[in-house]
Amino acid sequence: MKELSICIAFSFLAIISCRKDRHSAQSGITTDIRIDRFEKELFSIDPSLIGGYINQWEKSYGEFFNHFCQVTGLGDRSDSGFRERFKDFVSDRNTYMLYKRTMEVFPDLDDLTAGLNRAFSNYVHYFPGMPVPHIYTFISGFSKSAITDDSLLAIGLDRYLGTSEPLYREAGIYEYLTPNMHPEKIPSDCMNFWAETEFPFNDSVNSLIANMIYQGRTLYFTKVMLPGQPDTLNLGFSSDELEYLEKNEKSMWAFLVEHKLLFNTD
């Protein structure tokens, strides 16, 4: 996974080195994004009464609610035992403590809302007529950073509690993932996820070079939607790692060519 990320980073560096960054924040276009915090509503109720809320949530949250039930392992509403599983999820002590910790890190989402409004204002400028998603937040027990679908983008806040979050170590989350599990990473991740939803990979050959080009373009999209944001956030590499990549770009390309890896479909 890390090796593929490095290849993608090289493709991104190649793309941005071929052109000057002519993009800046757009004026005159605004969006009115508001974030619905499903986790607050979910954990504000008495778990013993949860059965009475399921129909209400299914109507008010629509497709997001169905996705949430899948990523948390609750299953389909028609499954036997669904309500009991839902009750167990909400009343589980570990899940509730995770919710409490999430609320400590994210007591409000004012900065995130402002950042996403700026990003999607740029999106509307460059892609007029394209849908702007309805945005939700949730916690999933570390299983999902985001959910995307037609007209919806949901953020798993428990995946962004901070790089040194003790709960990540306790849950056995791989250390190579945690450097990017912090609040400042959410906007770039959101725009990257949204790009992959609206502009999916559709090359006829699933080769390394095709994926590098696609991911490089997706990262460039993210950069344009978030002008001024450093590449350390867009790419998820530290300054030292980016410097290493730039210094070794030539030898990396030489390695890929020498070993005939660019057109590899493995």
Protein backbone atom coordinates (compact mmCIF):
# COMPACT_ATOMS: atom_id res chain seq x y z
CA MET A 1 0.00 0.00 0.00
CA LYS A 2 2.78 2.43 0.94
CA GLU A 3 4.69 1.51 -2.24
CA LEU A 4 1.64 2.34 -4.38
CA SER A 5 1.23 5.64 -2.51
CA ILE A 6 4.83 6.51 -3.39
CA CYS A 7 4.19 5.73 -7.08
CA ILE A 8 1.08 7.90 -6.99
CA ALA A 9 3.06 10.71 -5.38
CA PHE A 10 5.61 10.54 -8.19
CA SER A 11 2.85 10.78 -10.79
CA PHE A 12 1.41 13.80 -8.95
CA LEU A 13 4.84 15.47 -8.82
CA ALA A 14 5.25 14.81 -12.54
CA ILE A 15 1.90 16.42 -13.33
CA ILE A 16 2.45 19.57 -11.28
CA SER A 17 6.04 19.98 -12.49
CA CYS A 18 4.81 20.23 -16.08
CA ARG A 19 2.66 23.29 -15.46
CA LYS A 20 2.50 26.32 -13.24
CA ASP A 21 -0.26 26.40 -10.66
CA ARG A 22 -2.59 28.99 -12.17
CA HIS A 23 -5.43 28.28 -9.79
CA SER A 24 -6.49 30.35 -6.84
CA ALA A 25 -9.57 30.67 -4.70
CA GLN A 26 -12.63 31.74 -6.69
CA SER A 27 -14.75 34.71 -5.75
CA GLY A 28 -18.41 35.35 -6.45
CA ILE A 29 -19.50 31.73 -6.02
CA THR A 30 -20.62 30.42 -2.66
CA THR A 31 -22.13 27.22 -1.38
CA ASP A 32 -24.23 26.72 1.72
CA ILE A 33 -22.97 23.39 2.98
CA ARG A 34 -24.22 22.30 6.37
CA ILE A 35 -23.05 19.17 8.12
CA ASP A 36 -25.55 16.84 9.77
CA ARG A 37 -23.96 15.18 12.79
CA PHE A 38 -25.62 11.78 12.88
CA GLU A 39 -23.38 10.60 15.73
CA LYS A 40 -24.80 13.29 18.05
CA GLU A 41 -28.36 12.28 17.31
CA LEU A 42 -27.58 8.57 17.58
CA PHE A 43 -25.94 8.78 21.00
CA SER A 44 -28.39 11.27 22.49
CA ILE A 45 -31.20 8.72 22.75
CA ASP A 46 -32.00 6.01 25.25
CA PRO A 47 -30.74 2.74 23.65
CA SER A 48 -33.82 0.91 24.94
CA LEU A 49 -35.98 3.13 22.74
CA ILE A 50 -33.92 2.79 19.59
CA GLY A 51 -36.52 0.71 17.77
CA GLY A 52 -38.81 3.72 17.61
CA TYR A 53 -36.16 5.82 15.88
CA ILE A 54 -35.10 3.47 13.07
CA ASN A 55 -38.01 4.30 10.75
CA GLN A 56 -37.48 7.99 11.44
CA TRP A 57 -33.76 7.82 10.62
CA GLU A 58 -34.38 5.81 7.47
CA LYS A 59 -36.71 8.54 6.22
CA SER A 60 -34.68 11.55 7.32
CA TYR A 61 -31.21 10.23 6.44
CA GLY A 62 -32.15 8.18 3.39
CA GLU A 63 -29.35 6.37 1.60
CA PHE A 64 -26.76 7.48 4.14
CA PHE A 65 -28.54 5.52 6.87
CA ASN A 66 -28.41 2.35 4.75
CA HIS A 67 -24.68 2.83 4.11
CA PHE A 68 -24.05 3.48 7.80
CA CYS A 69 -25.73 0.22 8.76
CA GLN A 70 -23.53 -1.66 6.29
CA VAL A 71 -20.15 -0.17 7.27
CA THR A 72 -20.85 -0.72 10.97
CA GLY A 73 -21.83 -4.34 10.38
CA LEU A 74 -25.43 -3.82 11.48
CA GLY A 75 -26.70 -5.28 8.22
CA ASP A 76 -30.00 -4.73 6.44
CA ARG A 77 -33.02 -3.45 8.30
CA SER A 78 -35.00 -6.50 7.15
CA ASP A 79 -32.53 -8.92 8.78
CA SER A 80 -33.65 -10.71 11.91
CA GLY A 81 -31.89 -9.29 14.92
CA PHE A 82 -31.22 -5.92 13.26
CA ARG A 83 -32.78 -3.89 16.05
CA GLU A 84 -30.94 -5.83 18.70
CA ARG A 85 -27.61 -5.32 16.91
CA PHE A 86 -28.35 -1.63 16.60
CA LYS A 87 -29.13 -1.42 20.30
CA ASP A 88 -25.92 -3.28 21.16
CA PHE A 89 -23.89 -0.90 18.97
CA VAL A 90 -25.23 2.21 20.67
CA SER A 91 -25.11 0.81 24.22
CA ASP A 92 -21.64 -0.75 23.90
CA ARG A 93 -19.31 0.93 26.38
CA ASN A 94 -16.34 1.08 23.98
CA THR A 95 -18.44 2.62 21.24
CA TYR A 96 -19.85 5.19 23.63
CA MET A 97 -16.37 6.10 24.91
CA LEU A 98 -15.28 6.50 21.30
CA TYR A 99 -18.22 8.85 20.75
CA LYS A 100 -17.25 10.86 23.82
CA ARG A 101 -13.67 11.13 22.60
CA THR A 102 -14.89 12.20 19.17
CA MET A 103 -16.95 14.97 20.76
CA GLU A 104 -13.87 16.15 22.68
CA VAL A 105 -11.89 16.48 19.45
CA PHE A 106 -14.82 17.83 17.44
CA PRO A 107 -17.05 19.85 19.80
CA ASP A 108 -18.14 21.79 16.74
CA LEU A 109 -17.44 21.61 13.01
CA ASP A 110 -17.27 25.32 12.21
CA ASP A 111 -13.77 25.21 10.70
CA LEU A 112 -14.52 22.08 8.70
CA THR A 113 -17.78 23.54 7.40
CA ALA A 114 -16.00 26.71 6.30
CA GLY A 115 -13.22 24.71 4.62
CA LEU A 116 -15.62 22.47 2.72
CA ASN A 117 -17.68 25.47 1.61
CA ARG A 118 -14.53 27.04 0.15
CA ALA A 119 -13.59 23.79 -1.58
CA PHE A 120 -17.03 23.16 -3.05
CA SER A 121 -17.32 26.79 -4.14
CA ASN A 122 -14.27 26.10 -6.32
CA TYR A 123 -15.86 22.83 -7.44
CA VAL A 124 -19.02 24.64 -8.58
CA HIS A 125 -16.85 27.18 -10.41
CA TYR A 126 -14.91 24.55 -12.38
CA PHE A 127 -17.79 22.08 -12.79
CA PRO A 128 -21.01 24.09 -13.07
CA GLY A 129 -24.10 21.96 -12.90
CA MET A 130 -22.40 19.11 -11.04
CA PRO A 131 -24.08 18.14 -7.75
CA VAL A 132 -22.79 19.34 -4.39
CA PRO A 133 -23.16 16.55 -1.84
CA HIS A 134 -25.15 16.56 1.36
CA ILE A 135 -22.58 16.05 4.10
CA TYR A 136 -22.94 13.95 7.23
CA THR A 137 -20.64 12.82 10.02
CA PHE A 138 -20.67 9.53 11.91
CA ILE A 139 -18.52 7.15 13.91
CA SER A 140 -18.06 3.56 12.78
CA GLY A 141 -15.63 2.04 15.24
CA PHE A 142 -12.63 2.99 13.04
CA SER A 143 -13.94 0.97 10.08
CA LYS A 144 -14.49 3.76 7.55
CA SER A 145 -13.05 7.20 6.86
CA ALA A 146 -15.82 8.23 4.48
CA ILE A 147 -18.94 7.11 2.67
CA THR A 148 -19.69 8.53 -0.77
CA ASP A 149 -22.60 8.02 -3.11
CA ASP A 150 -24.74 10.10 -5.44
CA SER A 151 -25.22 13.46 -3.72
CA LEU A 152 -23.86 12.36 -0.33
CA LEU A 153 -20.51 12.51 1.44
CA ALA A 154 -20.21 11.21 5.01
CA ILE A 155 -17.14 11.60 7.20
CA GLY A 156 -16.09 9.04 9.81
CA LEU A 157 -14.84 11.46 12.46
CA ASP A 158 -13.39 8.69 14.62
CA ARG A 159 -10.77 8.16 11.90
CA TYR A 160 -9.46 11.71 12.44
CA LEU A 161 -8.89 12.02 16.19
CA GLY A 162 -5.17 12.83 15.93
CA THR A 163 -1.91 11.15 15.01
CA SER A 164 -1.06 10.18 18.59
CA GLU A 165 -4.54 9.12 19.64
CA PRO A 166 -4.16 6.31 22.25
CA LEU A 167 -7.37 4.63 21.07
CA TYR A 168 -5.71 3.89 17.73
CA ARG A 169 -2.93 1.93 19.40
CA GLU A 170 -5.45 0.09 21.54
CA ALA A 171 -7.48 -0.83 18.46
CA GLY A 172 -4.38 -2.15 16.67
CA ILE A 173 -4.54 0.33 13.78
CA TYR A 174 -1.38 0.11 11.69
CA GLU A 175 1.14 2.82 12.54
CA TYR A 176 1.69 3.77 8.90
CA LEU A 177 -1.95 4.93 8.75
CA THR A 178 -2.06 7.13 11.85
CA PRO A 179 0.09 10.05 10.54
CA ASN A 180 -2.87 10.99 8.33
CA MET A 181 -5.61 10.40 10.90
CA HIS A 182 -5.92 13.98 12.15
CA PRO A 183 -8.54 16.73 11.71
CA GLU A 184 -6.54 18.84 9.24
CA LYS A 185 -6.54 15.93 6.76
CA ILE A 186 -10.34 15.84 6.42
CA PRO A 187 -10.82 18.49 3.66
CA SER A 188 -8.28 16.98 1.26
CA ASP A 189 -9.55 13.46 1.93
CA CYS A 190 -13.12 14.63 1.30
CA MET A 191 -12.26 16.21 -2.04
CA ASN A 192 -10.21 13.16 -3.04
CA PHE A 193 -13.06 10.81 -2.15
CA TRP A 194 -15.53 13.02 -4.00
CA ALA A 195 -13.34 13.10 -7.10
CA GLU A 196 -13.19 9.31 -7.14
CA THR A 197 -16.99 9.19 -6.85
CA GLU A 198 -17.78 11.72 -9.58
CA PHE A 199 -14.90 10.79 -11.91
CA PRO A 200 -14.34 7.04 -11.41
CA PHE A 201 -11.43 5.12 -12.89
CA ASN A 202 -12.56 3.76 -16.26
CA ASP A 203 -9.40 2.89 -18.16
CA SER A 204 -9.76 -0.26 -20.24
CA VAL A 205 -6.47 -1.60 -18.82
CA ASN A 206 -5.94 -1.73 -15.07
CA SER A 207 -2.18 -1.21 -15.20
CA LEU A 208 0.16 0.58 -12.81
CA ILE A 209 0.70 3.52 -15.18
CA ALA A 210 -3.06 3.90 -15.77
CA ASN A 211 -3.63 4.00 -12.00
CA MET A 212 -0.76 6.44 -11.49
CA ILE A 213 -2.21 8.80 -14.09
CA TYR A 214 -5.70 8.53 -12.65
CA GLN A 215 -4.60 9.04 -9.05
CA GLY A 216 -2.27 11.87 -10.07
CA ARG A 217 -5.17 13.65 -11.75
CA THR A 218 -7.35 13.05 -8.71
CA LEU A 219 -4.70 14.57 -6.46
CA TYR A 220 -4.36 17.51 -8.83
CA PHE A 221 -8.13 17.98 -8.62
CA THR A 222 -7.81 18.08 -4.83
CA LYS A 223 -5.02 20.64 -5.07
CA VAL A 224 -7.15 22.90 -7.27
CA MET A 225 -10.18 22.59 -5.00
CA LEU A 226 -8.03 23.54 -2.00
CA PRO A 227 -5.67 26.22 -3.33
CA GLY A 228 -2.95 27.19 -0.93
CA GLN A 229 -3.13 23.97 1.04
CA PRO A 230 0.33 22.40 1.33
CA ASP A 231 1.14 19.22 -0.56
CA THR A 232 2.02 17.58 2.75
CA LEU A 233 -1.72 17.51 3.46
CA ASN A 234 -2.83 16.71 -0.08
CA LEU A 235 -0.41 13.80 -0.41
CA GLY A 236 -0.18 12.75 3.22
CA PHE A 237 3.62 12.84 3.31
CA SER A 238 5.83 14.81 5.67
CA SER A 239 8.11 17.58 4.37
CA ASP A 240 11.13 15.27 4.67
CA GLU A 241 9.33 12.50 2.77
CA LEU A 242 8.36 14.90 -0.02
CA GLU A 243 11.93 16.14 -0.24
CA TYR A 244 13.12 12.54 -0.50
CA LEU A 245 10.63 11.84 -3.29
CA GLU A 246 11.70 14.89 -5.28
CA LYS A 247 15.40 14.04 -4.92
CA ASN A 248 14.84 10.42 -5.97
CA GLU A 249 12.23 10.94 -8.67
CA LYS A 250 14.61 10.16 -11.53
CA SER A 251 15.88 6.92 -10.00
CA MET A 252 12.33 5.81 -9.17
CA TRP A 253 11.20 6.25 -12.78
CA ALA A 254 14.33 4.42 -13.92
CA PHE A 255 13.52 1.52 -11.59
CA LEU A 256 9.94 1.27 -12.88
CA VAL A 257 11.11 1.27 -16.50
CA GLU A 258 14.03 -1.13 -15.96
CA HIS A 259 11.81 -3.71 -14.27
CA LYS A 260 8.98 -3.24 -16.78
CA LEU A 261 6.53 -2.33 -14.03
CA LEU A 262 4.66 0.56 -15.65
CA PHE A 263 2.33 -1.67 -17.64
CA ASN A 264 2.07 -4.36 -15.01
CA THR A 265 -1.54 -5.32 -14.24
CA ASP A 266 -0.70 -7.19 -11.01
